[in-house]
Amino acid sequence: MHTEIEAKFLGVNHDAVRQKLKSAGAERVHSMRLMRRKNYDYPDLRLEKQFTGWVRVRDEGGKVTLAYKQLDDRTLTGTKEVSVVVSDFDDICRFLEAIGLEVQSYQETQRESWKLGEVEIELDEWPWIPPFVEIEAPDEAAIR
């Protein structure tokens, strides 16, 4: 499984972050768009109980991904993930439900994506949460 190198910064001013990203030479990859997510587990929650894991289907507004995520710890490198691109959000959800997984949560958010070198910067807006920035890097050296 791939290790995510991820940091989140809560309560940021997105306009100020955009200006800093532009100044640093970052490229906006996607404008703010709707993101839909469904998280799945078995009825007995075995993925959560045994592995602190879950299955996620995410519609990124142009790309749909199916992922298994596992939270080993809450450090910068504590989340493991394996992900594949699939063709249709609703079809893959029906597939997961047909093999016995159940929806544990559904979320809709807004996301704007930027790239600076190999680092991905996401400006996120979730209901009831102050705006935040999520930074994902391919390895620890990239976020220093």
N, C-alpha and C. Protein backbone atom coordinates (compact mmCIF):
# COMPACT_ATOMS: atom_id res chain seq x y z
N MET A 1 0.82 -1.18 0.00
CA MET A 1 0.00 0.00 0.00
C MET A 1 0.87 1.24 0.00
N HIS A 2 0.34 2.28 -0.58
CA HIS A 2 0.99 3.58 -0.66
C HIS A 2 0.81 4.32 0.66
N THR A 3 1.86 4.97 1.14
CA THR A 3 1.77 5.81 2.34
C THR A 3 1.48 7.23 1.93
N GLU A 4 0.41 7.80 2.47
CA GLU A 4 0.10 9.19 2.21
C GLU A 4 0.93 10.08 3.12
N ILE A 5 1.54 11.09 2.56
CA ILE A 5 2.20 12.13 3.33
C ILE A 5 1.24 13.31 3.25
N GLU A 6 0.52 13.58 4.35
CA GLU A 6 -0.56 14.54 4.29
C GLU A 6 -0.58 15.41 5.52
N ALA A 7 -0.80 16.71 5.30
CA ALA A 7 -0.95 17.66 6.39
C ALA A 7 -2.16 18.53 6.09
N LYS A 8 -2.92 18.87 7.13
CA LYS A 8 -4.10 19.72 6.96
C LYS A 8 -3.97 20.94 7.87
N PHE A 9 -4.39 22.09 7.33
CA PHE A 9 -4.34 23.34 8.06
C PHE A 9 -5.75 23.93 8.07
N LEU A 10 -6.32 24.04 9.23
CA LEU A 10 -7.72 24.43 9.40
C LEU A 10 -7.86 25.93 9.61
N GLY A 11 -8.98 26.48 9.14
CA GLY A 11 -9.28 27.88 9.39
C GLY A 11 -8.44 28.85 8.59
N VAL A 12 -8.14 28.52 7.35
CA VAL A 12 -7.29 29.38 6.52
C VAL A 12 -8.14 30.28 5.62
N ASN A 13 -7.54 31.33 5.15
CA ASN A 13 -8.17 32.23 4.19
C ASN A 13 -7.77 31.74 2.79
N HIS A 14 -8.71 31.17 2.07
CA HIS A 14 -8.40 30.60 0.76
C HIS A 14 -7.85 31.64 -0.21
N ASP A 15 -8.37 32.87 -0.17
CA ASP A 15 -7.85 33.90 -1.09
C ASP A 15 -6.39 34.19 -0.81
N ALA A 16 -6.01 34.26 0.47
CA ALA A 16 -4.61 34.50 0.82
C ALA A 16 -3.73 33.33 0.40
N VAL A 17 -4.23 32.11 0.57
CA VAL A 17 -3.47 30.92 0.15
C VAL A 17 -3.29 30.92 -1.36
N ARG A 18 -4.34 31.27 -2.09
CA ARG A 18 -4.23 31.33 -3.56
C ARG A 18 -3.14 32.29 -3.99
N GLN A 19 -3.08 33.45 -3.36
CA GLN A 19 -2.05 34.45 -3.70
C GLN A 19 -0.66 33.90 -3.43
N LYS A 20 -0.50 33.22 -2.29
CA LYS A 20 0.82 32.65 -1.97
C LYS A 20 1.18 31.54 -2.94
N LEU A 21 0.20 30.74 -3.33
CA LEU A 21 0.46 29.67 -4.30
C LEU A 21 0.90 30.26 -5.64
N LYS A 22 0.19 31.28 -6.11
CA LYS A 22 0.55 31.93 -7.37
C LYS A 22 1.97 32.51 -7.29
N SER A 23 2.28 33.16 -6.18
CA SER A 23 3.61 33.75 -5.99
C SER A 23 4.71 32.70 -6.00
N ALA A 24 4.39 31.51 -5.49
CA ALA A 24 5.38 30.43 -5.44
C ALA A 24 5.49 29.68 -6.76
N GLY A 25 4.63 30.01 -7.73
CA GLY A 25 4.69 29.35 -9.03
C GLY A 25 3.81 28.13 -9.15
N ALA A 26 2.87 27.95 -8.21
CA ALA A 26 1.97 26.81 -8.28
C ALA A 26 0.97 27.00 -9.42
N GLU A 27 0.46 25.88 -9.91
CA GLU A 27 -0.51 25.87 -11.00
C GLU A 27 -1.85 25.37 -10.48
N ARG A 28 -2.93 26.10 -10.77
CA ARG A 28 -4.27 25.62 -10.41
C ARG A 28 -4.67 24.54 -11.40
N VAL A 29 -4.91 23.35 -10.90
CA VAL A 29 -5.25 22.19 -11.73
C VAL A 29 -6.75 22.10 -11.95
N HIS A 30 -7.55 22.39 -10.90
CA HIS A 30 -9.01 22.35 -10.99
C HIS A 30 -9.59 23.50 -10.18
N SER A 31 -10.58 24.17 -10.74
CA SER A 31 -11.32 25.18 -9.99
C SER A 31 -12.16 24.49 -8.93
N MET A 32 -12.76 25.26 -8.03
CA MET A 32 -13.62 24.72 -6.99
C MET A 32 -14.73 23.90 -7.64
N ARG A 33 -14.91 22.67 -7.14
CA ARG A 33 -15.89 21.77 -7.72
C ARG A 33 -16.49 20.89 -6.63
N LEU A 34 -17.63 20.29 -6.93
CA LEU A 34 -18.30 19.39 -6.00
C LEU A 34 -17.57 18.06 -5.94
N MET A 35 -17.36 17.57 -4.74
CA MET A 35 -16.77 16.24 -4.52
C MET A 35 -17.79 15.43 -3.71
N ARG A 36 -18.05 14.20 -4.15
CA ARG A 36 -18.94 13.30 -3.40
C ARG A 36 -18.12 12.11 -2.94
N ARG A 37 -18.39 11.67 -1.70
CA ARG A 37 -17.69 10.51 -1.14
C ARG A 37 -18.68 9.61 -0.42
N LYS A 38 -18.48 8.31 -0.58
CA LYS A 38 -19.18 7.33 0.23
C LYS A 38 -18.11 6.44 0.85
N ASN A 39 -18.21 6.24 2.16
CA ASN A 39 -17.31 5.35 2.87
C ASN A 39 -18.06 4.09 3.24
N TYR A 40 -17.39 2.94 3.07
CA TYR A 40 -18.02 1.64 3.25
C TYR A 40 -17.25 0.77 4.24
N ASP A 41 -17.98 -0.13 4.87
CA ASP A 41 -17.42 -1.20 5.68
C ASP A 41 -18.45 -2.33 5.66
N TYR A 42 -18.06 -3.48 6.19
CA TYR A 42 -19.01 -4.58 6.34
C TYR A 42 -19.98 -4.26 7.47
N PRO A 43 -21.14 -4.93 7.52
CA PRO A 43 -22.10 -4.67 8.60
C PRO A 43 -21.51 -4.83 10.00
N ASP A 44 -20.55 -5.72 10.17
CA ASP A 44 -19.93 -5.92 11.50
C ASP A 44 -18.74 -4.98 11.73
N LEU A 45 -18.51 -4.06 10.80
CA LEU A 45 -17.42 -3.06 10.88
C LEU A 45 -16.05 -3.69 11.02
N ARG A 46 -15.84 -4.83 10.37
CA ARG A 46 -14.56 -5.53 10.53
C ARG A 46 -13.36 -4.76 10.01
N LEU A 47 -13.53 -3.97 8.96
CA LEU A 47 -12.39 -3.18 8.46
C LEU A 47 -11.97 -2.15 9.51
N GLU A 48 -12.96 -1.48 10.10
CA GLU A 48 -12.65 -0.49 11.13
C GLU A 48 -12.06 -1.15 12.38
N LYS A 49 -12.66 -2.22 12.82
CA LYS A 49 -12.23 -2.88 14.07
C LYS A 49 -10.87 -3.55 13.94
N GLN A 50 -10.64 -4.26 12.83
CA GLN A 50 -9.39 -5.02 12.68
C GLN A 50 -8.23 -4.19 12.16
N PHE A 51 -8.52 -3.21 11.31
CA PHE A 51 -7.44 -2.51 10.61
C PHE A 51 -7.51 -0.99 10.72
N THR A 52 -8.53 -0.45 11.39
CA THR A 52 -8.83 0.98 11.35
C THR A 52 -8.88 1.42 9.88
N GLY A 53 -9.63 0.64 9.10
CA GLY A 53 -9.69 0.87 7.66
C GLY A 53 -11.11 1.07 7.16
N TRP A 54 -11.21 1.46 5.89
CA TRP A 54 -12.50 1.63 5.24
C TRP A 54 -12.29 1.67 3.73
N VAL A 55 -13.37 1.48 2.99
CA VAL A 55 -13.37 1.59 1.54
C VAL A 55 -14.06 2.90 1.20
N ARG A 56 -13.44 3.66 0.29
CA ARG A 56 -14.01 4.95 -0.10
C ARG A 56 -14.22 5.00 -1.60
N VAL A 57 -15.37 5.52 -2.01
CA VAL A 57 -15.64 5.86 -3.41
C VAL A 57 -15.74 7.37 -3.46
N ARG A 58 -14.97 7.99 -4.37
CA ARG A 58 -14.96 9.46 -4.44
C ARG A 58 -15.14 9.91 -5.88
N ASP A 59 -16.13 10.77 -6.08
CA ASP A 59 -16.35 11.44 -7.36
C ASP A 59 -15.65 12.77 -7.26
N GLU A 60 -14.57 12.93 -8.00
CA GLU A 60 -13.74 14.13 -7.93
C GLU A 60 -14.15 15.18 -8.95
N GLY A 61 -15.31 15.00 -9.58
CA GLY A 61 -15.73 15.95 -10.60
C GLY A 61 -14.91 15.78 -11.86
N GLY A 62 -15.00 14.63 -12.49
CA GLY A 62 -14.22 14.33 -13.70
C GLY A 62 -13.45 13.04 -13.57
N LYS A 63 -13.27 12.55 -12.36
CA LYS A 63 -12.57 11.29 -12.11
C LYS A 63 -13.22 10.65 -10.89
N VAL A 64 -13.46 9.34 -10.98
CA VAL A 64 -14.03 8.59 -9.86
C VAL A 64 -12.98 7.58 -9.39
N THR A 65 -12.73 7.55 -8.08
CA THR A 65 -11.74 6.62 -7.54
C THR A 65 -12.38 5.72 -6.49
N LEU A 66 -11.85 4.51 -6.42
CA LEU A 66 -12.18 3.52 -5.41
C LEU A 66 -10.90 3.29 -4.62
N ALA A 67 -10.97 3.41 -3.29
CA ALA A 67 -9.76 3.29 -2.48
C ALA A 67 -10.03 2.48 -1.23
N TYR A 68 -9.00 1.77 -0.79
CA TYR A 68 -8.98 1.21 0.56
C TYR A 68 -8.02 2.08 1.34
N LYS A 69 -8.48 2.58 2.48
CA LYS A 69 -7.65 3.44 3.32
C LYS A 69 -7.52 2.80 4.68
N GLN A 70 -6.33 2.93 5.26
CA GLN A 70 -6.06 2.35 6.56
C GLN A 70 -5.29 3.36 7.40
N LEU A 71 -5.83 3.68 8.57
CA LEU A 71 -5.21 4.65 9.45
C LEU A 71 -4.39 3.91 10.50
N ASP A 72 -3.07 3.86 10.30
CA ASP A 72 -2.19 3.21 11.25
C ASP A 72 -1.97 4.07 12.49
N ASP A 73 -1.87 5.39 12.28
CA ASP A 73 -1.76 6.34 13.38
C ASP A 73 -2.05 7.72 12.82
N ARG A 74 -2.10 8.72 13.67
CA ARG A 74 -2.47 10.07 13.24
C ARG A 74 -1.24 10.95 13.01
N THR A 75 -0.14 10.34 12.57
CA THR A 75 1.05 11.11 12.24
C THR A 75 0.97 11.54 10.78
N LEU A 76 1.97 12.28 10.34
CA LEU A 76 2.04 12.76 8.96
C LEU A 76 2.03 11.62 7.95
N THR A 77 2.57 10.46 8.33
CA THR A 77 2.68 9.32 7.41
C THR A 77 1.82 8.13 7.86
N GLY A 78 0.83 8.37 8.71
CA GLY A 78 0.09 7.27 9.32
C GLY A 78 -1.02 6.68 8.49
N THR A 79 -1.37 7.26 7.35
CA THR A 79 -2.46 6.74 6.53
C THR A 79 -1.90 5.99 5.33
N LYS A 80 -2.35 4.76 5.15
CA LYS A 80 -1.98 3.95 3.98
C LYS A 80 -3.17 3.92 3.04
N GLU A 81 -2.88 3.84 1.74
CA GLU A 81 -3.97 3.85 0.75
C GLU A 81 -3.56 3.08 -0.49
N VAL A 82 -4.54 2.37 -1.05
CA VAL A 82 -4.40 1.82 -2.40
C VAL A 82 -5.65 2.26 -3.14
N SER A 83 -5.47 2.82 -4.34
CA SER A 83 -6.56 3.47 -5.05
C SER A 83 -6.53 3.12 -6.53
N VAL A 84 -7.71 2.99 -7.12
CA VAL A 84 -7.84 2.75 -8.56
C VAL A 84 -8.90 3.69 -9.12
N VAL A 85 -8.76 4.05 -10.38
CA VAL A 85 -9.76 4.85 -11.07
C VAL A 85 -10.82 3.90 -11.61
N VAL A 86 -12.08 4.26 -11.40
CA VAL A 86 -13.22 3.47 -11.90
C VAL A 86 -14.06 4.37 -12.80
N SER A 87 -14.99 3.78 -13.53
CA SER A 87 -15.70 4.55 -14.54
C SER A 87 -16.94 5.27 -14.05
N ASP A 88 -17.60 4.78 -13.00
CA ASP A 88 -18.88 5.37 -12.63
C ASP A 88 -19.13 5.28 -11.13
N PHE A 89 -19.43 6.41 -10.49
CA PHE A 89 -19.66 6.47 -9.05
C PHE A 89 -20.80 5.55 -8.62
N ASP A 90 -21.96 5.69 -9.25
CA ASP A 90 -23.11 4.90 -8.83
C ASP A 90 -22.92 3.41 -9.09
N ASP A 91 -22.31 3.04 -10.20
CA ASP A 91 -22.07 1.62 -10.50
C ASP A 91 -21.14 0.97 -9.48
N ILE A 92 -20.05 1.64 -9.10
CA ILE A 92 -19.13 1.03 -8.15
C ILE A 92 -19.77 0.96 -6.76
N CYS A 93 -20.63 1.92 -6.44
CA CYS A 93 -21.35 1.85 -5.16
C CYS A 93 -22.29 0.65 -5.15
N ARG A 94 -23.02 0.43 -6.25
CA ARG A 94 -23.90 -0.75 -6.34
C ARG A 94 -23.09 -2.04 -6.25
N PHE A 95 -21.91 -2.07 -6.86
CA PHE A 95 -21.04 -3.25 -6.80
C PHE A 95 -20.65 -3.54 -5.35
N LEU A 96 -20.19 -2.53 -4.63
CA LEU A 96 -19.77 -2.73 -3.24
C LEU A 96 -20.93 -3.21 -2.37
N GLU A 97 -22.10 -2.65 -2.58
CA GLU A 97 -23.27 -3.07 -1.82
C GLU A 97 -23.69 -4.50 -2.18
N ALA A 98 -23.50 -4.87 -3.44
CA ALA A 98 -23.84 -6.23 -3.87
C ALA A 98 -22.94 -7.29 -3.24
N ILE A 99 -21.71 -6.92 -2.88
CA ILE A 99 -20.81 -7.90 -2.25
C ILE A 99 -20.83 -7.79 -0.73
N GLY A 100 -21.79 -7.04 -0.19
CA GLY A 100 -22.00 -7.05 1.25
C GLY A 100 -21.48 -5.87 2.04
N LEU A 101 -20.86 -4.89 1.40
CA LEU A 101 -20.44 -3.71 2.14
C LEU A 101 -21.62 -2.76 2.30
N GLU A 102 -21.59 -1.96 3.37
CA GLU A 102 -22.65 -1.00 3.63
C GLU A 102 -22.09 0.40 3.72
N VAL A 103 -22.89 1.38 3.27
CA VAL A 103 -22.48 2.78 3.37
C VAL A 103 -22.43 3.16 4.85
N GLN A 104 -21.29 3.69 5.27
CA GLN A 104 -21.13 4.17 6.65
C GLN A 104 -21.27 5.68 6.72
N SER A 105 -20.94 6.38 5.62
CA SER A 105 -21.11 7.83 5.59
C SER A 105 -21.14 8.30 4.14
N TYR A 106 -21.76 9.44 3.96
CA TYR A 106 -21.80 10.12 2.67
C TYR A 106 -21.45 11.58 2.94
N GLN A 107 -20.56 12.14 2.11
CA GLN A 107 -20.15 13.53 2.29
C GLN A 107 -20.14 14.23 0.94
N GLU A 108 -20.50 15.50 0.95
CA GLU A 108 -20.33 16.37 -0.19
C GLU A 108 -19.50 17.56 0.26
N THR A 109 -18.48 17.88 -0.52
CA THR A 109 -17.60 19.00 -0.21
C THR A 109 -17.30 19.77 -1.49
N GLN A 110 -16.59 20.86 -1.33
CA GLN A 110 -16.07 21.62 -2.46
C GLN A 110 -14.55 21.56 -2.38
N ARG A 111 -13.90 21.42 -3.52
CA ARG A 111 -12.43 21.33 -3.54
C ARG A 111 -11.87 22.05 -4.76
N GLU A 112 -10.78 22.76 -4.52
CA GLU A 112 -9.98 23.39 -5.58
C GLU A 112 -8.58 22.79 -5.48
N SER A 113 -8.00 22.39 -6.61
CA SER A 113 -6.72 21.68 -6.60
C SER A 113 -5.61 22.50 -7.25
N TRP A 114 -4.44 22.46 -6.60
CA TRP A 114 -3.24 23.14 -7.07
C TRP A 114 -2.08 22.15 -7.06
N LYS A 115 -1.05 22.46 -7.84
CA LYS A 115 0.15 21.62 -7.86
C LYS A 115 1.37 22.54 -7.85
N LEU A 116 2.32 22.19 -7.00
CA LEU A 116 3.61 22.89 -6.94
C LEU A 116 4.68 21.81 -6.95
N GLY A 117 5.32 21.63 -8.10
CA GLY A 117 6.25 20.51 -8.26
C GLY A 117 5.47 19.21 -8.14
N GLU A 118 5.89 18.35 -7.23
CA GLU A 118 5.19 17.08 -7.02
C GLU A 118 4.20 17.14 -5.87
N VAL A 119 4.05 18.31 -5.26
CA VAL A 119 3.17 18.47 -4.11
C VAL A 119 1.79 18.91 -4.59
N GLU A 120 0.74 18.25 -4.05
CA GLU A 120 -0.64 18.60 -4.36
C GLU A 120 -1.21 19.40 -3.19
N ILE A 121 -1.84 20.52 -3.52
CA ILE A 121 -2.45 21.37 -2.50
C ILE A 121 -3.93 21.45 -2.81
N GLU A 122 -4.76 21.12 -1.82
CA GLU A 122 -6.20 21.12 -2.00
C GLU A 122 -6.81 22.16 -1.08
N LEU A 123 -7.63 23.05 -1.63
CA LEU A 123 -8.39 24.00 -0.84
C LEU A 123 -9.77 23.39 -0.66
N ASP A 124 -10.13 23.04 0.56
CA ASP A 124 -11.36 22.31 0.84
C ASP A 124 -12.36 23.14 1.61
N GLU A 125 -13.63 22.91 1.31
CA GLU A 125 -14.74 23.48 2.05
C GLU A 125 -15.72 22.36 2.38
N TRP A 126 -15.87 22.13 3.69
CA TRP A 126 -16.81 21.12 4.20
C TRP A 126 -17.90 21.83 4.98
N PRO A 127 -19.11 21.30 4.98
CA PRO A 127 -20.15 21.89 5.83
C PRO A 127 -19.71 21.87 7.29
N TRP A 128 -19.95 22.95 8.00
CA TRP A 128 -19.72 23.08 9.44
C TRP A 128 -18.25 23.02 9.86
N ILE A 129 -17.31 23.07 8.92
CA ILE A 129 -15.89 23.07 9.25
C ILE A 129 -15.28 24.31 8.61
N PRO A 130 -14.45 25.06 9.34
CA PRO A 130 -13.80 26.22 8.72
C PRO A 130 -12.97 25.78 7.51
N PRO A 131 -12.85 26.64 6.48
CA PRO A 131 -12.06 26.27 5.30
C PRO A 131 -10.67 25.78 5.69
N PHE A 132 -10.16 24.79 4.95
CA PHE A 132 -8.83 24.30 5.25
C PHE A 132 -8.05 23.97 4.00
N VAL A 133 -6.76 23.78 4.19
CA VAL A 133 -5.83 23.42 3.13
C VAL A 133 -5.28 22.05 3.45
N GLU A 134 -5.23 21.18 2.46
CA GLU A 134 -4.67 19.84 2.60
C GLU A 134 -3.49 19.75 1.64
N ILE A 135 -2.36 19.31 2.16
CA ILE A 135 -1.14 19.19 1.36
C ILE A 135 -0.72 17.74 1.33
N GLU A 136 -0.55 17.19 0.12
CA GLU A 136 -0.09 15.82 -0.05
C GLU A 136 1.21 15.84 -0.84
N ALA A 137 2.19 15.10 -0.36
CA ALA A 137 3.50 15.07 -1.00
C ALA A 137 3.89 13.61 -1.24
N PRO A 138 4.71 13.36 -2.27
CA PRO A 138 5.10 11.97 -2.58
C PRO A 138 6.04 11.35 -1.56
N ASP A 139 6.78 12.19 -0.81
CA ASP A 139 7.66 11.67 0.22
C ASP A 139 7.93 12.77 1.24
N GLU A 140 8.50 12.42 2.35
CA GLU A 140 8.71 13.39 3.43
C GLU A 140 9.58 14.57 3.00
N ALA A 141 10.56 14.34 2.14
CA ALA A 141 11.47 15.42 1.72
C ALA A 141 10.73 16.51 0.96
N ALA A 142 9.64 16.16 0.27
CA ALA A 142 8.94 17.12 -0.56
C ALA A 142 8.18 18.16 0.25
N ILE A 143 7.89 17.90 1.53
CA ILE A 143 7.13 18.87 2.30
C ILE A 143 8.00 19.66 3.26
N ARG A 144 9.29 19.45 3.24
CA ARG A 144 10.19 20.21 4.13
C ARG A 144 10.39 21.61 3.63
